[in-house]
Protein backbone atom coordinates (compact mmCIF):
# COMPACT_ATOMS: atom_id res chain seq x y z
CA UNK A 1 275.16 -19.79 199.38
CA UNK A 2 273.27 -17.87 202.06
CA UNK A 3 271.10 -14.81 202.35
CA UNK A 4 272.28 -12.57 205.16
CA UNK A 5 269.94 -10.13 206.86
CA UNK A 6 271.14 -6.98 208.65
CA UNK A 7 270.93 -8.70 212.03
CA UNK A 8 273.38 -11.34 210.80
CA UNK A 9 270.75 -14.04 210.40
CA UNK A 10 271.45 -16.29 207.42
CA UNK A 11 268.41 -17.81 205.73
CA UNK A 12 268.09 -20.08 202.75
CA UNK A 13 267.13 -18.84 199.33
CA UNK A 14 263.38 -19.06 198.92
CA UNK A 15 262.72 -18.66 202.63
CA UNK A 16 260.21 -16.14 204.00
CA UNK A 17 261.16 -13.18 206.11
CA UNK A 18 258.93 -10.43 207.51
CA UNK A 19 259.65 -7.19 205.69
CA UNK A 20 261.12 -4.24 207.56
CA UNK A 21 261.88 -0.75 206.26
CA UNK A 22 265.43 -0.49 205.02
CA UNK A 23 266.17 -4.22 204.98
CA UNK A 24 269.15 -4.98 202.74
CA UNK A 25 269.84 -8.47 201.43
CA UNK A 26 273.34 -9.82 200.95
CA UNK A 27 274.08 -12.89 198.88
CA UNK A 28 277.16 -14.45 200.44
CA UNK A 29 278.38 -17.35 198.29
CA UNK A 30 281.57 -19.28 199.04
CA UNK A 31 283.81 -17.41 196.59
CA UNK A 32 282.55 -13.85 196.70
CA UNK A 33 279.81 -11.54 197.80
CA UNK A 34 276.98 -9.76 196.04
CA UNK A 35 275.26 -7.04 198.04
CA UNK A 36 272.10 -5.05 197.48
CA UNK A 37 273.99 -1.92 196.47
CA UNK A 38 274.11 -2.61 192.75
CA UNK A 39 276.65 -5.41 192.36
CA UNK A 40 274.02 -7.94 191.37
CA UNK A 41 274.21 -8.94 187.74
CA UNK A 42 270.41 -9.01 187.75
CA UNK A 43 267.66 -8.63 190.31
CA UNK A 44 263.94 -8.38 189.83
CA UNK A 45 260.61 -8.48 191.58
CA UNK A 46 258.58 -11.12 189.83
CA UNK A 47 255.49 -11.49 192.01
CA UNK A 48 253.45 -9.05 194.07
CA UNK A 49 250.26 -10.04 195.89
CA UNK A 50 247.59 -7.80 197.40
CA UNK A 51 244.63 -8.26 199.70
CA UNK A 52 241.03 -7.35 198.81
CA UNK A 53 241.65 -3.69 199.66
CA UNK A 54 244.68 -3.42 197.40
CA UNK A 55 247.31 -3.41 200.14
CA UNK A 56 250.54 -5.22 199.37
CA UNK A 57 250.80 -8.48 201.33
CA UNK A 58 253.89 -10.08 199.83
CA UNK A 59 256.41 -9.89 197.05
CA UNK A 60 259.22 -12.06 195.74
CA UNK A 61 262.71 -11.13 194.61
CA UNK A 62 264.80 -13.19 192.21
CA UNK A 63 268.48 -12.52 191.74
CA UNK A 64 271.39 -13.61 189.59
CA UNK A 65 274.83 -12.91 190.99
CA UNK A 66 278.03 -13.15 188.94
CA UNK A 67 281.04 -12.97 191.25
CA UNK A 68 283.62 -13.41 188.53
CA UNK A 69 286.05 -16.29 187.96
CA UNK A 70 283.24 -18.10 186.16
CA UNK A 71 281.11 -18.47 189.29
CA UNK A 72 277.50 -17.33 189.49
CA UNK A 73 274.59 -17.87 191.85
CA UNK A 74 270.84 -17.62 191.53
CA UNK A 75 268.19 -17.56 194.19
CA UNK A 76 264.92 -16.09 195.36
CA UNK A 77 263.57 -14.48 198.48
CA UNK A 78 259.92 -14.01 199.44
CA UNK A 79 258.84 -11.06 201.58
CA UNK A 80 255.71 -10.95 203.69
CA UNK A 81 254.36 -7.45 204.31
CA UNK A 82 251.94 -6.74 207.12
CA UNK A 83 248.55 -6.20 205.42
CA UNK A 84 247.65 -3.69 208.12
CA UNK A 85 250.35 -1.36 206.83
CA UNK A 86 249.54 0.24 203.47
CA UNK A 87 252.14 1.53 201.06
CA UNK A 88 253.67 4.64 202.56
CA UNK A 89 256.44 6.48 200.82
CA UNK A 90 257.72 8.07 197.66
CA UNK A 91 260.34 7.73 194.95
CA UNK A 92 262.69 10.47 193.81
CA UNK A 93 263.96 10.03 190.27
CA UNK A 94 266.85 11.59 188.40
CA UNK A 95 267.46 12.61 184.80
CA UNK A 96 269.84 9.65 184.37
CA UNK A 97 267.08 7.19 185.32
CA UNK A 98 268.12 6.47 188.89
CA UNK A 99 265.23 6.01 191.33
CA UNK A 100 265.50 6.10 195.11
CA UNK A 101 262.66 4.92 197.32
CA UNK A 102 261.82 6.14 200.79
CA UNK A 103 259.25 4.65 203.15
CA UNK A 104 258.01 1.23 204.18
CA UNK A 105 257.40 -0.36 200.80
CA UNK A 106 260.23 0.42 198.41
CA UNK A 107 260.41 -2.79 196.38
CA UNK A 108 260.30 -0.78 193.13
CA UNK A 109 263.99 -0.20 193.81
CA UNK A 110 264.56 -3.91 193.08
CA UNK A 111 262.98 -3.72 189.64
CA UNK A 112 266.05 -1.98 188.28
CA UNK A 113 266.48 1.44 186.76
CA UNK A 114 268.37 3.21 183.99
CA UNK A 115 271.32 4.44 186.02
CA UNK A 116 273.76 2.18 184.13
CA UNK A 117 272.16 2.71 180.70
CA UNK A 118 273.45 5.26 178.18
CA UNK A 119 270.31 7.26 177.37
CA UNK A 120 269.86 9.23 174.18
CA UNK A 121 267.89 11.85 176.09
CA UNK A 122 267.28 12.54 179.79
CA UNK A 123 264.43 11.14 181.86
CA UNK A 124 261.67 13.71 182.32
CA UNK A 125 258.86 11.74 183.95
CA UNK A 126 257.83 8.66 185.92
CA UNK A 127 254.45 7.03 186.54
CA UNK A 128 253.65 4.13 188.89
CA UNK A 129 251.17 1.38 187.97
CA UNK A 130 247.75 1.14 189.62
CA UNK A 131 248.86 -1.68 191.95
CA UNK A 132 252.22 0.00 192.68
CA UNK A 133 254.09 -3.07 191.42
CA UNK A 134 255.78 -1.43 188.45
CA UNK A 135 256.53 1.86 186.78
CA UNK A 136 257.29 3.64 183.54
CA UNK A 137 259.94 6.23 182.80
CA UNK A 138 259.90 8.55 179.80
CA UNK A 139 262.71 10.47 178.14
CA UNK A 140 262.42 13.83 176.44
CA UNK A 141 262.41 12.14 173.02
CA UNK A 142 259.38 10.06 174.04
CA UNK A 143 261.25 6.83 174.74
CA UNK A 144 259.45 4.58 177.25
CA UNK A 145 261.06 2.20 179.75
CA UNK A 146 258.74 -0.20 181.60
CA UNK A 147 259.56 -2.13 184.79
CA UNK A 148 257.72 -4.68 186.91
CA UNK A 149 254.11 -5.17 185.90
CA UNK A 150 254.09 -1.98 183.83
CA UNK A 151 253.19 -2.92 180.28
CA UNK A 152 254.90 -1.43 177.26
CA UNK A 153 252.19 0.02 175.03
CA UNK A 154 254.25 2.11 172.66
CA UNK A 155 256.45 5.18 172.59
CA UNK A 156 257.52 8.15 170.51
CA UNK A 157 261.17 7.12 170.59
CA UNK A 158 262.68 7.29 167.13
CA UNK A 159 259.94 9.57 165.81
CA UNK A 160 260.33 13.23 165.00
CA UNK A 161 258.76 15.49 167.61
CA UNK A 162 258.05 19.18 167.23
CA UNK A 163 258.91 19.75 170.88
CA UNK A 164 260.34 17.55 173.64
CA UNK A 165 258.19 15.38 175.86
CA UNK A 166 257.89 16.78 179.39
CA UNK A 167 255.76 14.25 181.25
CA UNK A 168 253.85 10.98 181.50
CA UNK A 169 250.63 9.98 183.27
CA UNK A 170 249.12 6.52 183.63
CA UNK A 171 245.47 5.68 183.07
CA UNK A 172 243.45 4.81 186.21
CA UNK A 173 243.68 1.05 185.55
CA UNK A 174 247.36 1.18 184.60
CA UNK A 175 246.75 -0.33 181.16
CA UNK A 176 247.95 2.70 179.25
CA UNK A 177 249.54 6.11 179.48
CA UNK A 178 249.70 9.57 177.97
CA UNK A 179 252.78 11.57 177.08
CA UNK A 180 252.67 15.35 176.83
CA UNK A 181 255.13 17.55 174.96
CA UNK A 182 256.02 21.14 175.77
CA UNK A 183 253.91 22.38 172.83
CA UNK A 184 250.85 20.65 174.27
CA UNK A 185 250.99 17.67 171.96
CA UNK A 186 249.45 14.56 173.55
CA UNK A 187 250.36 10.98 172.65
CA UNK A 188 248.06 8.22 173.92
CA UNK A 189 249.03 4.54 174.25
CA UNK A 190 247.30 1.40 175.49
CA UNK A 191 243.80 2.12 176.81
CA UNK A 192 244.56 5.83 177.19
CA UNK A 193 241.91 7.72 175.17
CA UNK A 194 242.84 10.75 173.12
CA UNK A 195 240.49 13.67 173.77
CA UNK A 196 242.53 16.43 172.18
CA UNK A 197 245.68 18.44 172.64
CA UNK A 198 247.14 21.90 172.27
CA UNK A 199 249.63 20.83 169.63
CA UNK A 200 249.69 23.31 166.76
CA UNK A 201 247.95 26.01 168.80
CA UNK A 202 249.48 29.14 170.29
CA UNK A 203 250.54 28.87 173.92
CA UNK A 204 251.64 31.76 176.09
CA UNK A 205 253.99 29.44 177.95
CA UNK A 206 255.13 25.84 177.42
CA UNK A 207 253.39 22.86 178.96
CA UNK A 208 255.11 21.32 181.97
CA UNK A 209 252.82 18.45 182.93
CA UNK A 210 249.71 16.32 182.49
CA UNK A 211 247.47 14.76 185.14
CA UNK A 212 244.82 12.06 184.61
CA UNK A 213 241.17 12.42 185.61
CA UNK A 214 239.09 9.46 186.88
CA UNK A 215 236.64 10.34 184.11
CA UNK A 216 239.22 9.09 181.65
CA UNK A 217 240.25 12.55 180.54
CA UNK A 218 243.18 14.70 181.51
CA UNK A 219 244.41 18.14 182.41
CA UNK A 220 247.52 19.87 181.13
CA UNK A 221 249.26 22.74 182.85
CA UNK A 222 251.62 25.34 181.40
CA UNK A 223 254.47 27.03 183.23
CA UNK A 224 252.28 30.11 183.83
CA UNK A 225 249.65 27.94 185.52
CA UNK A 226 247.27 27.93 182.60
CA UNK A 227 245.12 24.77 182.65
CA UNK A 228 243.74 23.00 179.62
CA UNK A 229 241.01 20.43 180.32
CA UNK A 230 240.12 17.58 178.00
CA UNK A 231 237.11 15.49 179.04
CA UNK A 232 237.85 16.60 182.61
CA UNK A 233 236.30 19.31 184.84
CA UNK A 234 238.00 22.70 185.00
CA UNK A 235 238.57 23.87 188.56
CA UNK A 236 240.68 26.96 187.99
CA UNK A 237 244.13 28.15 186.99
CA UNK A 238 246.72 30.87 187.54
CA UNK A 239 247.02 31.68 183.86
CA UNK A 240 245.96 35.30 184.40
CA UNK A 241 248.09 35.85 187.52
CA UNK A 242 251.67 37.00 187.85
CA UNK A 243 253.71 34.24 189.47
CA UNK A 244 256.97 34.67 191.33
CA UNK A 245 258.31 31.49 189.74
CA UNK A 246 257.04 29.25 186.94
CA UNK A 247 254.86 26.24 187.63
CA UNK A 248 256.91 23.03 187.66
CA UNK A 249 254.29 20.33 188.00
CA UNK A 250 250.70 19.26 188.63
CA UNK A 251 248.98 16.49 190.61
CA UNK A 252 245.31 15.46 190.81
CA UNK A 253 243.37 14.72 194.00
CA UNK A 254 242.43 11.06 194.59
CA UNK A 255 238.83 11.43 193.39
CA UNK A 256 239.67 13.80 190.56
CA UNK A 257 237.64 16.68 191.98
CA UNK A 258 240.59 19.02 192.11
CA UNK A 259 244.31 19.45 191.53
CA UNK A 260 247.43 21.14 192.80
CA UNK A 261 250.20 23.06 191.04
CA UNK A 262 253.66 23.52 192.45
CA UNK A 263 255.97 26.34 191.35
CA UNK A 264 259.76 26.30 191.22
CA UNK A 265 259.90 28.22 194.51
CA UNK A 266 257.64 25.66 196.16
CA UNK A 267 254.52 27.79 196.01
CA UNK A 268 251.38 25.63 196.05
CA UNK A 269 248.16 26.46 194.24
CA UNK A 270 245.14 24.31 195.10
CA UNK A 271 241.88 24.06 193.20
CA UNK A 272 238.63 22.12 193.66
CA UNK A 273 238.81 19.73 196.61
CA UNK A 274 242.61 19.96 196.79
CA UNK A 275 243.59 21.03 200.29
CA UNK A 276 246.34 23.54 201.00
CA UNK A 277 248.71 22.14 203.62
CA UNK A 278 251.65 24.48 203.27
CA UNK A 279 254.42 25.41 200.85
CA UNK A 280 258.02 26.58 200.61
CA UNK A 281 257.04 29.74 198.75
CA UNK A 282 258.45 31.96 201.49
CA UNK A 283 261.52 29.80 202.24
CA UNK A 284 264.94 30.22 200.69
CA UNK A 285 265.72 27.02 198.79
CA UNK A 286 269.12 25.66 197.82
CA UNK A 287 267.66 24.34 194.57
CA UNK A 288 264.37 24.81 192.73
CA UNK A 289 261.38 22.56 193.29
CA UNK A 290 260.87 20.23 190.32
CA UNK A 291 257.79 18.22 191.28
CA UNK A 292 255.18 17.15 193.80
CA UNK A 293 253.34 13.96 194.76
CA UNK A 294 250.20 13.72 196.90
CA UNK A 295 249.48 11.13 199.56
CA UNK A 296 247.13 8.41 198.37
CA UNK A 297 244.24 9.86 200.38
CA UNK A 298 244.99 13.44 199.35
CA UNK A 299 245.51 14.62 202.93
CA UNK A 300 249.03 15.90 202.32
CA UNK A 301 251.83 16.04 199.79
CA UNK A 302 255.56 15.99 199.21
CA UNK A 303 257.68 18.39 197.16
CA UNK A 304 261.11 17.57 195.78
CA UNK A 305 263.93 19.88 194.72
CA UNK A 306 266.53 19.25 192.03
CA UNK A 307 269.10 18.37 194.71
CA UNK A 308 266.79 15.66 196.06
CA UNK A 309 265.61 17.62 199.07
CA UNK A 310 262.09 16.55 200.09
CA UNK A 311 259.59 18.80 201.84
CA UNK A 312 256.60 17.12 203.51
CA UNK A 313 253.36 18.94 204.24
CA UNK A 314 250.80 17.12 206.40
CA UNK A 315 252.58 13.99 205.18
CA UNK A 316 255.25 11.78 206.81
CA UNK A 317 258.86 12.57 206.01
CA UNK A 318 260.73 9.38 205.10
CA UNK A 319 264.02 10.84 203.97
CA UNK A 320 265.63 12.64 201.06
CA UNK A 321 268.73 12.90 198.91
CA UNK A 322 269.67 16.37 200.14
CA UNK A 323 273.31 16.87 201.00
CA UNK A 324 274.62 14.36 198.47
CA UNK A 325 275.62 16.97 195.90
CA UNK A 326 272.96 15.97 193.38
CA UNK A 327 271.54 18.43 190.87
CA UNK A 328 269.72 16.11 188.48
CA UNK A 329 266.60 15.08 190.41
CA UNK A 330 263.66 15.78 188.11
CA UNK A 331 260.62 14.53 189.99
CA UNK A 332 258.88 12.55 192.71
CA UNK A 333 256.28 9.79 192.47
CA UNK A 334 254.16 8.01 195.06
């Protein structure tokens, strides 16, 4: 068995190779081939290390390859990542649970996703762990799927909900998460504190998202841009304004002193210390915008449309899914 790199170099399982963007690994055993495009029977990232500043320095991949005729192979590969290069990129995710990473550090792709799983309800949200070594996905019935170092702390799957879940947000330390339903109901798991909700109260428009505050609280936003703060500062809203298109999502600034909204036409509304770096509000879009993700330092952001098109504002563009005929992209995470 050998591991074949794109340049044709074959290295032994367990060897170390410097990571490069877009590197694909092929397992080339004597009687068949398993490639990194989904033909592995199983593949997982089982170890991620960071330096003192939190930058990823290495990660390991384990794989199990079943080539048929009763033959299977196992192995491992360790990646070294330059500690001078922080995580840069984003993940687009679809309603069927498929995630696609873009940038220099896309090992979450190797954790697996739900693209081959028959889901009871569609995926509506994704949250990445504090160390970026795992993630959660949530379905509209509140079902939770955890990958990598993301812990499973509970779900609403199998329970009766008044309204569907529309989003998920992780706590600052990644040891818990909140779910929010379209009626403003909030469900807290792990170390996520519950500070209140809008469940059972009249809303002018349904909730579309929830964002965590470093204070431990959270904000919720409705499709009209109305903001509801729970143990978190209120920096403003568009609840009293007429919008061209409904709000589709919300994101907090890194220090929690502000937040952005994005509307379905790509209009951006910034509050507090959230900078305005541009929008697609005046551009004709092929498909509506469904979400946004800020850069880790808050100096820019990405928007994603339902066809997977990505729009970068004061942020690097690493690629998109536009032109592939997709219509089920539901969000972006970074």
